[in-house]
Amino acid sequence: MDRLFETFNSRQRRSLTRGITDGKRKLIAEIKQARAGNLKTPIKTHLRDLIILPNMTGVTVNVFSGKEFVPVNIRTEMIGHYLGEYVITNKKVSHGAPGVGASRSSLYVPLK
């Protein structure tokens, strides 16, 4: 664990030394069961601030993006990062045509 801490940034080290909450502990236990093959249902979580540890690799976790659950396959390159970094929470806005009343000139345009 000490060698692992050397590779982490100060934010990750501080988060882990302060302790793991009950919700994160339950999620880590679920991931451990999934690695053993004892879990049939997909793992869903809202915990975007969970730091990925080496014992979580090889598992797919569905992380909530604010609208839907996005599957994240945990790989070795992700160790030390947060789960939320791999799920985007916003998407590109594509605006349609302006509606009636959007500008002064659109008041005089017939609808049909």
PDB file of N, CA and C in Angstrom:
ATOM      1  N   MET A   1       0.830  -1.192   0.000  1.00  0.00           N
ATOM      2  CA  MET A   1       0.000   0.000   0.000  1.00  0.00           C
ATOM      3  C   MET A   1       0.873   1.253   0.000  1.00  0.00           C
ATOM      4  N   ASP A   2       2.039   1.197   0.630  1.00  0.00           N
ATOM      5  CA  ASP A   2       2.921   2.363   0.656  1.00  0.00           C
ATOM      6  C   ASP A   2       3.448   2.684  -0.733  1.00  0.00           C
ATOM      7  N   ARG A   3       3.774   1.648  -1.523  1.00  0.00           N
ATOM      8  CA  ARG A   3       4.242   1.878  -2.895  1.00  0.00           C
ATOM      9  C   ARG A   3       3.128   2.470  -3.745  1.00  0.00           C
ATOM     10  N   LEU A   4       1.896   2.057  -3.459  1.00  0.00           N
ATOM     11  CA  LEU A   4       0.747   2.582  -4.196  1.00  0.00           C
ATOM     12  C   LEU A   4       0.538   4.053  -3.857  1.00  0.00           C
ATOM     13  N   PHE A   5       0.704   4.411  -2.587  1.00  0.00           N
ATOM     14  CA  PHE A   5       0.537   5.804  -2.180  1.00  0.00           C
ATOM     15  C   PHE A   5       1.552   6.721  -2.847  1.00  0.00           C
ATOM     16  N   GLU A   6       2.732   6.231  -3.129  1.00  0.00           N
ATOM     17  CA  GLU A   6       3.752   7.053  -3.789  1.00  0.00           C
ATOM     18  C   GLU A   6       3.336   7.456  -5.195  1.00  0.00           C
ATOM     19  N   THR A   7       2.531   6.637  -5.851  1.00  0.00           N
ATOM     20  CA  THR A   7       2.107   6.956  -7.218  1.00  0.00           C
ATOM     21  C   THR A   7       0.892   7.878  -7.254  1.00  0.00           C
ATOM     22  N   PHE A   8       0.158   7.966  -6.137  1.00  0.00           N
ATOM     23  CA  PHE A   8      -1.045   8.802  -6.104  1.00  0.00           C
ATOM     24  C   PHE A   8      -0.692  10.270  -5.908  1.00  0.00           C
ATOM     25  N   ASN A   9      -1.597  11.138  -6.339  1.00  0.00           N
ATOM     26  CA  ASN A   9      -1.487  12.555  -6.057  1.00  0.00           C
ATOM     27  C   ASN A   9      -1.862  12.803  -4.595  1.00  0.00           C
ATOM     28  N   SER A  10      -1.611  14.023  -4.120  1.00  0.00           N
ATOM     29  CA  SER A  10      -1.891  14.341  -2.721  1.00  0.00           C
ATOM     30  C   SER A  10      -3.383  14.271  -2.422  1.00  0.00           C
ATOM     31  N   ARG A  11      -4.230  14.621  -3.378  1.00  0.00           N
ATOM     32  CA  ARG A  11      -5.680  14.585  -3.170  1.00  0.00           C
ATOM     33  C   ARG A  11      -6.145  13.142  -2.928  1.00  0.00           C
ATOM     34  N   GLN A  12      -5.633  12.195  -3.719  1.00  0.00           N
ATOM     35  CA  GLN A  12      -6.021  10.793  -3.555  1.00  0.00           C
ATOM     36  C   GLN A  12      -5.463  10.228  -2.243  1.00  0.00           C
ATOM     37  N   ARG A  13      -4.209  10.581  -1.916  1.00  0.00           N
ATOM     38  CA  ARG A  13      -3.617  10.107  -0.661  1.00  0.00           C
ATOM     39  C   ARG A  13      -4.416  10.605   0.536  1.00  0.00           C
ATOM     40  N   ARG A  14      -4.784  11.864   0.509  1.00  0.00           N
ATOM     41  CA  ARG A  14      -5.534  12.441   1.629  1.00  0.00           C
ATOM     42  C   ARG A  14      -6.906  11.790   1.755  1.00  0.00           C
ATOM     43  N   SER A  15      -7.555  11.548   0.628  1.00  0.00           N
ATOM     44  CA  SER A  15      -8.872  10.921   0.647  1.00  0.00           C
ATOM     45  C   SER A  15      -8.811   9.516   1.234  1.00  0.00           C
ATOM     46  N   LEU A  16      -7.789   8.753   0.888  1.00  0.00           N
ATOM     47  CA  LEU A  16      -7.687   7.388   1.391  1.00  0.00           C
ATOM     48  C   LEU A  16      -7.237   7.340   2.854  1.00  0.00           C
ATOM     49  N   THR A  17      -6.383   8.265   3.278  1.00  0.00           N
ATOM     50  CA  THR A  17      -5.950   8.246   4.672  1.00  0.00           C
ATOM     51  C   THR A  17      -7.049   8.710   5.621  1.00  0.00           C
ATOM     52  N   ARG A  18      -7.996   9.488   5.137  1.00  0.00           N
ATOM     53  CA  ARG A  18      -9.100   9.940   5.978  1.00  0.00           C
ATOM     54  C   ARG A  18     -10.122   8.826   6.214  1.00  0.00           C
ATOM     55  N   GLY A  19     -10.039   7.752   5.443  1.00  0.00           N
ATOM     56  CA  GLY A  19     -10.942   6.617   5.656  1.00  0.00           C
ATOM     57  C   GLY A  19     -11.937   6.465   4.523  1.00  0.00           C
ATOM     58  N   ILE A  20     -12.523   5.289   4.473  1.00  0.00           N
ATOM     59  CA  ILE A  20     -13.506   4.963   3.441  1.00  0.00           C
ATOM     60  C   ILE A  20     -14.883   4.922   4.091  1.00  0.00           C
ATOM     61  N   THR A  21     -15.857   5.586   3.497  1.00  0.00           N
ATOM     62  CA  THR A  21     -17.210   5.629   4.054  1.00  0.00           C
ATOM     63  C   THR A  21     -17.904   4.290   3.856  1.00  0.00           C
ATOM     64  N   ASP A  22     -19.050   4.132   4.509  1.00  0.00           N
ATOM     65  CA  ASP A  22     -19.795   2.867   4.440  1.00  0.00           C
ATOM     66  C   ASP A  22     -20.266   2.562   3.021  1.00  0.00           C
ATOM     67  N   GLY A  23     -20.723   3.572   2.305  1.00  0.00           N
ATOM     68  CA  GLY A  23     -21.189   3.362   0.936  1.00  0.00           C
ATOM     69  C   GLY A  23     -20.082   2.880   0.019  1.00  0.00           C
ATOM     70  N   LYS A  24     -18.909   3.477   0.162  1.00  0.00           N
ATOM     71  CA  LYS A  24     -17.760   3.067  -0.652  1.00  0.00           C
ATOM     72  C   LYS A  24     -17.302   1.667  -0.264  1.00  0.00           C
ATOM     73  N   ARG A  25     -17.369   1.355   1.029  1.00  0.00           N
ATOM     74  CA  ARG A  25     -16.976   0.021   1.494  1.00  0.00           C
ATOM     75  C   ARG A  25     -17.904  -1.047   0.904  1.00  0.00           C
ATOM     76  N   LYS A  26     -19.211  -0.741   0.825  1.00  0.00           N
ATOM     77  CA  LYS A  26     -20.177  -1.685   0.246  1.00  0.00           C
ATOM     78  C   LYS A  26     -19.909  -1.880  -1.241  1.00  0.00           C
ATOM     79  N   LEU A  27     -19.584  -0.796  -1.939  1.00  0.00           N
ATOM     80  CA  LEU A  27     -19.305  -0.896  -3.372  1.00  0.00           C
ATOM     81  C   LEU A  27     -18.042  -1.711  -3.622  1.00  0.00           C
ATOM     82  N   ILE A  28     -17.022  -1.514  -2.805  1.00  0.00           N
ATOM     83  CA  ILE A  28     -15.786  -2.289  -2.952  1.00  0.00           C
ATOM     84  C   ILE A  28     -16.058  -3.765  -2.690  1.00  0.00           C
ATOM     85  N   ALA A  29     -16.933  -4.074  -1.729  1.00  0.00           N
ATOM     86  CA  ALA A  29     -17.294  -5.469  -1.462  1.00  0.00           C
ATOM     87  C   ALA A  29     -18.052  -6.072  -2.645  1.00  0.00           C
ATOM     88  N   GLU A  30     -18.945  -5.274  -3.269  1.00  0.00           N
ATOM     89  CA  GLU A  30     -19.665  -5.749  -4.458  1.00  0.00           C
ATOM     90  C   GLU A  30     -18.705  -6.027  -5.602  1.00  0.00           C
ATOM     91  N   ILE A  31     -17.728  -5.159  -5.789  1.00  0.00           N
ATOM     92  CA  ILE A  31     -16.748  -5.339  -6.860  1.00  0.00           C
ATOM     93  C   ILE A  31     -15.923  -6.604  -6.598  1.00  0.00           C
ATOM     94  N   LYS A  32     -15.613  -6.849  -5.331  1.00  0.00           N
ATOM     95  CA  LYS A  32     -14.853  -8.048  -4.976  1.00  0.00           C
ATOM     96  C   LYS A  32     -15.661  -9.307  -5.300  1.00  0.00           C
ATOM     97  N   GLN A  33     -16.979  -9.269  -5.035  1.00  0.00           N
ATOM     98  CA  GLN A  33     -17.848 -10.398  -5.366  1.00  0.00           C
ATOM     99  C   GLN A  33     -17.946 -10.583  -6.876  1.00  0.00           C
ATOM    100  N   ALA A  34     -18.006  -9.487  -7.624  1.00  0.00           N
ATOM    101  CA  ALA A  34     -18.096  -9.574  -9.084  1.00  0.00           C
ATOM    102  C   ALA A  34     -16.830 -10.176  -9.672  1.00  0.00           C
ATOM    103  N   ARG A  35     -15.675  -9.837  -9.098  1.00  0.00           N
ATOM    104  CA  ARG A  35     -14.416 -10.427  -9.575  1.00  0.00           C
ATOM    105  C   ARG A  35     -14.373 -11.926  -9.305  1.00  0.00           C
ATOM    106  N   ALA A  36     -14.992 -12.360  -8.216  1.00  0.00           N
ATOM    107  CA  ALA A  36     -15.030 -13.784  -7.888  1.00  0.00           C
ATOM    108  C   ALA A  36     -16.065 -14.524  -8.724  1.00  0.00           C
ATOM    109  N   GLY A  37     -16.972 -13.777  -9.383  1.00  0.00           N
ATOM    110  CA  GLY A  37     -17.996 -14.402 -10.219  1.00  0.00           C
ATOM    111  C   GLY A  37     -19.258 -14.743  -9.469  1.00  0.00           C
ATOM    112  N   ASN A  38     -19.449 -14.217  -8.276  1.00  0.00           N
ATOM    113  CA  ASN A  38     -20.629 -14.525  -7.465  1.00  0.00           C
ATOM    114  C   ASN A  38     -21.786 -13.561  -7.700  1.00  0.00           C
ATOM    115  N   LEU A  39     -21.588 -12.541  -8.499  1.00  0.00           N
ATOM    116  CA  LEU A  39     -22.601 -11.507  -8.678  1.00  0.00           C
ATOM    117  C   LEU A  39     -23.216 -11.627 -10.071  1.00  0.00           C
ATOM    118  N   LYS A  40     -24.545 -11.717 -10.138  1.00  0.00           N
ATOM    119  CA  LYS A  40     -25.229 -11.880 -11.426  1.00  0.00           C
ATOM    120  C   LYS A  40     -25.698 -10.536 -11.999  1.00  0.00           C
ATOM    121  N   THR A  41     -26.104  -9.614 -11.133  1.00  0.00           N
ATOM    122  CA  THR A  41     -26.631  -8.335 -11.589  1.00  0.00           C
ATOM    123  C   THR A  41     -25.496  -7.347 -11.830  1.00  0.00           C
ATOM    124  N   PRO A  42     -25.687  -6.385 -12.723  1.00  0.00           N
ATOM    125  CA  PRO A  42     -24.637  -5.375 -12.936  1.00  0.00           C
ATOM    126  C   PRO A  42     -24.523  -4.452 -11.724  1.00  0.00           C
ATOM    127  N   ILE A  43     -23.322  -3.941 -11.511  1.00  0.00           N
ATOM    128  CA  ILE A  43     -23.065  -3.047 -10.385  1.00  0.00           C
ATOM    129  C   ILE A  43     -23.417  -1.629 -10.814  1.00  0.00           C
ATOM    130  N   LYS A  44     -24.359  -1.004 -10.108  1.00  0.00           N
ATOM    131  CA  LYS A  44     -24.752   0.382 -10.387  1.00  0.00           C
ATOM    132  C   LYS A  44     -24.382   1.244  -9.192  1.00  0.00           C
ATOM    133  N   THR A  45     -23.858   2.440  -9.474  1.00  0.00           N
ATOM    134  CA  THR A  45     -23.460   3.305  -8.369  1.00  0.00           C
ATOM    135  C   THR A  45     -23.608   4.781  -8.731  1.00  0.00           C
ATOM    136  N   HIS A  46     -23.793   5.580  -7.702  1.00  0.00           N
ATOM    137  CA  HIS A  46     -23.782   7.034  -7.829  1.00  0.00           C
ATOM    138  C   HIS A  46     -22.467   7.593  -7.287  1.00  0.00           C
ATOM    139  N   LEU A  47     -21.600   6.740  -6.770  1.00  0.00           N
ATOM    140  CA  LEU A  47     -20.352   7.177  -6.144  1.00  0.00           C
ATOM    141  C   LEU A  47     -19.314   7.492  -7.212  1.00  0.00           C
ATOM    142  N   ARG A  48     -19.292   8.731  -7.648  1.00  0.00           N
ATOM    143  CA  ARG A  48     -18.352   9.156  -8.682  1.00  0.00           C
ATOM    144  C   ARG A  48     -17.001   9.523  -8.081  1.00  0.00           C
ATOM    145  N   ASP A  49     -16.939   9.683  -6.752  1.00  0.00           N
ATOM    146  CA  ASP A  49     -15.697  10.104  -6.106  1.00  0.00           C
ATOM    147  C   ASP A  49     -14.912   8.936  -5.509  1.00  0.00           C
ATOM    148  N   LEU A  50     -15.184   7.727  -5.981  1.00  0.00           N
ATOM    149  CA  LEU A  50     -14.451   6.551  -5.515  1.00  0.00           C
ATOM    150  C   LEU A  50     -13.143   6.433  -6.287  1.00  0.00           C
ATOM    151  N   ILE A  51     -12.046   6.314  -5.563  1.00  0.00           N
ATOM    152  CA  ILE A  51     -10.734   6.164  -6.197  1.00  0.00           C
ATOM    153  C   ILE A  51     -10.564   4.705  -6.613  1.00  0.00           C
ATOM    154  N   ILE A  52     -10.140   4.500  -7.852  1.00  0.00           N
ATOM    155  CA  ILE A  52      -9.977   3.150  -8.381  1.00  0.00           C
ATOM    156  C   ILE A  52      -8.701   2.547  -7.807  1.00  0.00           C
ATOM    157  N   LEU A  53      -8.846   1.381  -7.192  1.00  0.00           N
ATOM    158  CA  LEU A  53      -7.742   0.664  -6.567  1.00  0.00           C
ATOM    159  C   LEU A  53      -7.383  -0.565  -7.412  1.00  0.00           C
ATOM    160  N   PRO A  54      -6.207  -1.142  -7.211  1.00  0.00           N
ATOM    161  CA  PRO A  54      -5.784  -2.279  -8.044  1.00  0.00           C
ATOM    162  C   PRO A  54      -6.692  -3.504  -7.968  1.00  0.00           C
ATOM    163  N   ASN A  55      -7.376  -3.718  -6.843  1.00  0.00           N
ATOM    164  CA  ASN A  55      -8.235  -4.894  -6.741  1.00  0.00           C
ATOM    165  C   ASN A  55      -9.572  -4.729  -7.450  1.00  0.00           C
ATOM    166  N   MET A  56      -9.800  -3.610  -8.134  1.00  0.00           N
ATOM    167  CA  MET A  56     -11.051  -3.362  -8.861  1.00  0.00           C
ATOM    168  C   MET A  56     -10.930  -3.626 -10.356  1.00  0.00           C
ATOM    169  N   THR A  57      -9.744  -3.936 -10.847  1.00  0.00           N
ATOM    170  CA  THR A  57      -9.543  -4.073 -12.286  1.00  0.00           C
ATOM    171  C   THR A  57     -10.284  -5.279 -12.833  1.00  0.00           C
ATOM    172  N   GLY A  58     -10.741  -5.140 -14.076  1.00  0.00           N
ATOM    173  CA  GLY A  58     -11.425  -6.223 -14.764  1.00  0.00           C
ATOM    174  C   GLY A  58     -12.913  -6.288 -14.526  1.00  0.00           C
ATOM    175  N   VAL A  59     -13.478  -5.315 -13.845  1.00  0.00           N
ATOM    176  CA  VAL A  59     -14.907  -5.315 -13.523  1.00  0.00           C
ATOM    177  C   VAL A  59     -15.571  -4.154 -14.242  1.00  0.00           C
ATOM    178  N   THR A  60     -16.810  -4.348 -14.687  1.00  0.00           N
ATOM    179  CA  THR A  60     -17.584  -3.270 -15.298  1.00  0.00           C
ATOM    180  C   THR A  60     -18.546  -2.713 -14.262  1.00  0.00           C
ATOM    181  N   VAL A  61     -18.476  -1.401 -14.052  1.00  0.00           N
ATOM    182  CA  VAL A  61     -19.329  -0.714 -13.085  1.00  0.00           C
ATOM    183  C   VAL A  61     -20.149   0.323 -13.842  1.00  0.00           C
ATOM    184  N   ASN A  62     -21.453   0.357 -13.586  1.00  0.00           N
ATOM    185  CA  ASN A  62     -22.320   1.361 -14.207  1.00  0.00           C
ATOM    186  C   ASN A  62     -22.367   2.580 -13.297  1.00  0.00           C
ATOM    187  N   VAL A  63     -21.839   3.704 -13.787  1.00  0.00           N
ATOM    188  CA  VAL A  63     -21.739   4.933 -12.999  1.00  0.00           C
ATOM    189  C   VAL A  63     -22.801   5.910 -13.489  1.00  0.00           C
ATOM    190  N   PHE A  64     -23.476   6.572 -12.561  1.00  0.00           N
ATOM    191  CA  PHE A  64     -24.557   7.498 -12.898  1.00  0.00           C
ATOM    192  C   PHE A  64     -23.995   8.809 -13.415  1.00  0.00           C
ATOM    193  N   SER A  65     -24.511   9.266 -14.572  1.00  0.00           N
ATOM    194  CA  SER A  65     -24.014  10.487 -15.182  1.00  0.00           C
ATOM    195  C   SER A  65     -24.903  11.685 -14.889  1.00  0.00           C
ATOM    196  N   GLY A  66     -25.958  11.497 -14.114  1.00  0.00           N
ATOM    197  CA  GLY A  66     -26.907  12.564 -13.861  1.00  0.00           C
ATOM    198  C   GLY A  66     -28.208  12.306 -14.580  1.00  0.00           C
ATOM    199  N   LYS A  67     -28.159  11.448 -15.609  1.00  0.00           N
ATOM    200  CA  LYS A  67     -29.349  11.104 -16.375  1.00  0.00           C
ATOM    201  C   LYS A  67     -29.490   9.598 -16.538  1.00  0.00           C
ATOM    202  N   GLU A  68     -28.360   8.918 -16.729  1.00  0.00           N
ATOM    203  CA  GLU A  68     -28.402   7.482 -16.979  1.00  0.00           C
ATOM    204  C   GLU A  68     -27.138   6.833 -16.416  1.00  0.00           C
ATOM    205  N   PHE A  69     -27.147   5.523 -16.344  1.00  0.00           N
ATOM    206  CA  PHE A  69     -25.985   4.776 -15.890  1.00  0.00           C
ATOM    207  C   PHE A  69     -25.125   4.412 -17.096  1.00  0.00           C
ATOM    208  N   VAL A  70     -23.860   4.793 -17.052  1.00  0.00           N
ATOM    209  CA  VAL A  70     -22.925   4.552 -18.152  1.00  0.00           C
ATOM    210  C   VAL A  70     -21.947   3.463 -17.706  1.00  0.00           C
ATOM    211  N   PRO A  71     -21.801   2.381 -18.488  1.00  0.00           N
ATOM    212  CA  PRO A  71     -20.872   1.319 -18.081  1.00  0.00           C
ATOM    213  C   PRO A  71     -19.417   1.742 -18.241  1.00  0.00           C
ATOM    214  N   VAL A  72     -18.615   1.448 -17.213  1.00  0.00           N
ATOM    215  CA  VAL A  72     -17.188   1.749 -17.218  1.00  0.00           C
ATOM    216  C   VAL A  72     -16.444   0.451 -16.929  1.00  0.00           C
ATOM    217  N   ASN A  73     -15.629  -0.001 -17.879  1.00  0.00           N
ATOM    218  CA  ASN A  73     -14.813  -1.191 -17.677  1.00  0.00           C
ATOM    219  C   ASN A  73     -13.496  -0.736 -17.057  1.00  0.00           C
ATOM    220  N   ILE A  74     -13.211  -1.180 -15.849  1.00  0.00           N
ATOM    221  CA  ILE A  74     -12.036  -0.707 -15.108  1.00  0.00           C
ATOM    222  C   ILE A  74     -10.795  -1.460 -15.592  1.00  0.00           C
ATOM    223  N   ARG A  75      -9.797  -0.690 -16.036  1.00  0.00           N
ATOM    224  CA  ARG A  75      -8.532  -1.241 -16.529  1.00  0.00           C
ATOM    225  C   ARG A  75      -7.395  -0.769 -15.617  1.00  0.00           C
ATOM    226  N   THR A  76      -6.201  -1.315 -15.847  1.00  0.00           N
ATOM    227  CA  THR A  76      -5.070  -0.996 -14.975  1.00  0.00           C
ATOM    228  C   THR A  76      -4.612   0.448 -15.121  1.00  0.00           C
ATOM    229  N   GLU A  77      -4.827   1.061 -16.285  1.00  0.00           N
ATOM    230  CA  GLU A  77      -4.416   2.459 -16.473  1.00  0.00           C
ATOM    231  C   GLU A  77      -5.241   3.421 -15.624  1.00  0.00           C
ATOM    232  N   MET A  78      -6.392   2.973 -15.143  1.00  0.00           N
ATOM    233  CA  MET A  78      -7.314   3.838 -14.406  1.00  0.00           C
ATOM    234  C   MET A  78      -6.998   3.904 -12.911  1.00  0.00           C
ATOM    235  N   ILE A  79      -6.049   3.117 -12.438  1.00  0.00           N
ATOM    236  CA  ILE A  79      -5.754   3.062 -11.001  1.00  0.00           C
ATOM    237  C   ILE A  79      -5.283   4.431 -10.514  1.00  0.00           C
ATOM    238  N   GLY A  80      -5.891   4.913  -9.440  1.00  0.00           N
ATOM    239  CA  GLY A  80      -5.545   6.207  -8.871  1.00  0.00           C
ATOM    240  C   GLY A  80      -6.448   7.328  -9.337  1.00  0.00           C
ATOM    241  N   HIS A  81      -7.284   7.083 -10.336  1.00  0.00           N
ATOM    242  CA  HIS A  81      -8.227   8.090 -10.816  1.00  0.00           C
ATOM    243  C   HIS A  81      -9.586   7.850 -10.162  1.00  0.00           C
ATOM    244  N   TYR A  82     -10.480   8.816 -10.333  1.00  0.00           N
ATOM    245  CA  TYR A  82     -11.826   8.692  -9.799  1.00  0.00           C
ATOM    246  C   TYR A  82     -12.742   8.043 -10.837  1.00  0.00           C
ATOM    247  N   LEU A  83     -13.804   7.356 -10.366  1.00  0.00           N
ATOM    248  CA  LEU A  83     -14.760   6.745 -11.283  1.00  0.00           C
ATOM    249  C   LEU A  83     -15.454   7.802 -12.138  1.00  0.00           C
ATOM    250  N   GLY A  84     -15.733   8.948 -11.560  1.00  0.00           N
ATOM    251  CA  GLY A  84     -16.460   9.996 -12.270  1.00  0.00           C
ATOM    252  C   GLY A  84     -15.689  10.611 -13.426  1.00  0.00           C
ATOM    253  N   GLU A  85     -14.373  10.419 -13.477  1.00  0.00           N
ATOM    254  CA  GLU A  85     -13.583  10.982 -14.567  1.00  0.00           C
ATOM    255  C   GLU A  85     -13.892  10.316 -15.902  1.00  0.00           C
ATOM    256  N   TYR A  86     -14.445   9.121 -15.858  1.00  0.00           N
ATOM    257  CA  TYR A  86     -14.664   8.359 -17.082  1.00  0.00           C
ATOM    258  C   TYR A  86     -16.114   8.399 -17.546  1.00  0.00           C
ATOM    259  N   VAL A  87     -16.940   9.204 -16.881  1.00  0.00           N
ATOM    260  CA  VAL A  87     -18.341   9.345 -17.270  1.00  0.00           C
ATOM    261  C   VAL A  87     -18.623  10.827 -17.427  1.00  0.00           C
ATOM    262  N   ILE A  88     -18.920  11.246 -18.643  1.00  0.00           N
ATOM    263  CA  ILE A  88     -19.176  12.661 -18.898  1.00  0.00           C
ATOM    264  C   ILE A  88     -20.578  13.016 -18.407  1.00  0.00           C
ATOM    265  N   THR A  89     -20.717  14.182 -17.784  1.00  0.00           N
ATOM    266  CA  THR A  89     -21.999  14.567 -17.193  1.00  0.00           C
ATOM    267  C   THR A  89     -22.765  15.568 -18.046  1.00  0.00           C
ATOM    268  N   ASN A  90     -22.130  16.094 -19.059  1.00  0.00           N
ATOM    269  CA  ASN A  90     -22.856  17.016 -19.937  1.00  0.00           C
ATOM    270  C   ASN A  90     -22.615  16.594 -21.376  1.00  0.00           C
ATOM    271  N   LYS A  91     -23.499  17.046 -22.246  1.00  0.00           N
ATOM    272  CA  LYS A  91     -23.327  16.709 -23.650  1.00  0.00           C
ATOM    273  C   LYS A  91     -23.457  17.973 -24.485  1.00  0.00           C
ATOM    274  N   LYS A  92     -23.009  17.889 -25.711  1.00  0.00           N
ATOM    275  CA  LYS A  92     -23.017  19.050 -26.596  1.00  0.00           C
ATOM    276  C   LYS A  92     -24.447  19.484 -26.874  1.00  0.00           C
ATOM    277  N   VAL A  93     -24.682  20.780 -26.803  1.00  0.00           N
ATOM    278  CA  VAL A  93     -25.999  21.334 -27.035  1.00  0.00           C
ATOM    279  C   VAL A  93     -26.116  21.676 -28.506  1.00  0.00           C
ATOM    280  N   SER A  94     -27.117  21.107 -29.157  1.00  0.00           N
ATOM    281  CA  SER A  94     -27.383  21.472 -30.552  1.00  0.00           C
ATOM    282  C   SER A  94     -28.715  22.212 -30.565  1.00  0.00           C
ATOM    283  N   HIS A  95     -28.647  23.503 -30.794  1.00  0.00           N
ATOM    284  CA  HIS A  95     -29.839  24.338 -30.756  1.00  0.00           C
ATOM    285  C   HIS A  95     -30.633  24.183 -32.039  1.00  0.00           C
ATOM    286  N   GLY A  96     -31.950  24.192 -31.896  1.00  0.00           N
ATOM    287  CA  GLY A  96     -32.821  24.128 -33.058  1.00  0.00           C
ATOM    288  C   GLY A  96     -33.116  25.528 -33.558  1.00  0.00           C
ATOM    289  N   ALA A  97     -34.156  25.647 -34.349  1.00  0.00           N
ATOM    290  CA  ALA A  97     -34.567  26.951 -34.863  1.00  0.00           C
ATOM    291  C   ALA A  97     -35.201  27.751 -33.731  1.00  0.00           C
ATOM    292  N   PRO A  98     -35.045  29.077 -33.752  1.00  0.00           N
ATOM    293  CA  PRO A  98     -35.662  29.893 -32.703  1.00  0.00           C
ATOM    294  C   PRO A  98     -37.180  29.851 -32.807  1.00  0.00           C
ATOM    295  N   GLY A  99     -37.845  29.940 -31.678  1.00  0.00           N
ATOM    296  CA  GLY A  99     -39.300  29.887 -31.660  1.00  0.00           C
ATOM    297  C   GLY A  99     -39.917  31.254 -31.893  1.00  0.00           C
ATOM    298  N   VAL A 100     -41.230  31.285 -31.888  1.00  0.00           N
ATOM    299  CA  VAL A 100     -41.958  32.530 -32.075  1.00  0.00           C
ATOM    300  C   VAL A 100     -41.739  33.398 -30.844  1.00  0.00           C
ATOM    301  N   GLY A 101     -41.375  34.659 -31.058  1.00  0.00           N
ATOM    302  CA  GLY A 101     -41.141  35.561 -29.962  1.00  0.00           C
ATOM    303  C   GLY A 101     -39.698  35.582 -29.499  1.00  0.00           C
ATOM    304  N   ALA A 102     -38.824  34.830 -30.175  1.00  0.00           N
ATOM    305  CA  ALA A 102     -37.431  34.812 -29.769  1.00  0.00           C
ATOM    306  C   ALA A 102     -36.736  36.125 -30.125  1.00  0.00           C
ATOM    307  N   SER A 103     -37.196  36.772 -31.171  1.00  0.00           N
ATOM    308  CA  SER A 103     -36.659  38.083 -31.538  1.00  0.00           C
ATOM    309  C   SER A 103     -37.814  38.955 -32.005  1.00  0.00           C
ATOM    310  N   ARG A 104     -37.525  40.228 -32.215  1.00  0.00           N
ATOM    311  CA  ARG A 104     -38.605  41.131 -32.633  1.00  0.00           C
ATOM    312  C   ARG A 104     -39.122  40.804 -34.021  1.00  0.00           C
ATOM    313  N   SER A 105     -38.240  40.366 -34.904  1.00  0.00           N
ATOM    314  CA  SER A 105     -38.689  40.100 -36.268  1.00  0.00           C
ATOM    315  C   SER A 105     -39.499  38.823 -36.379  1.00  0.00           C
ATOM    316  N   SER A 106     -39.342  37.914 -35.446  1.00  0.00           N
ATOM    317  CA  SER A 106     -40.082  36.655 -35.540  1.00  0.00           C
ATOM    318  C   SER A 106     -41.548  36.817 -35.153  1.00  0.00           C
ATOM    319  N   LEU A 107     -41.911  37.956 -34.585  1.00  0.00           N
ATOM    320  CA  LEU A 107     -43.313  38.187 -34.247  1.00  0.00           C
ATOM    321  C   LEU A 107     -44.184  38.310 -35.487  1.00  0.00           C
ATOM    322  N   TYR A 108     -43.601  38.764 -36.615  1.00  0.00           N
ATOM    323  CA  TYR A 108     -44.369  39.027 -37.806  1.00  0.00           C
ATOM    324  C   TYR A 108     -44.263  37.902 -38.843  1.00  0.00           C
ATOM    325  N   VAL A 109     -43.617  36.813 -38.487  1.00  0.00           N
ATOM    326  CA  VAL A 109     -43.486  35.677 -39.405  1.00  0.00           C
ATOM    327  C   VAL A 109     -44.678  34.745 -39.182  1.00  0.00           C
ATOM    328  N   PRO A 110     -45.429  34.412 -40.244  1.00  0.00           N
ATOM    329  CA  PRO A 110     -46.546  33.503 -40.057  1.00  0.00           C
ATOM    330  C   PRO A 110     -46.053  32.085 -39.702  1.00  0.00           C
ATOM    331  N   LEU A 111     -46.843  31.390 -38.878  1.00  0.00           N
ATOM    332  CA  LEU A 111     -46.448  30.059 -38.440  1.00  0.00           C
ATOM    333  C   LEU A 111     -46.542  29.037 -39.576  1.00  0.00           C
ATOM    334  N   LYS A 112     -47.593  29.120 -40.397  1.00  0.00           N
ATOM    335  CA  LYS A 112     -47.777  28.149 -41.481  1.00  0.00           C
ATOM    336  C   LYS A 112     -47.937  28.829 -42.816  1.00  0.00           C
TER     337      LYS A 112
END
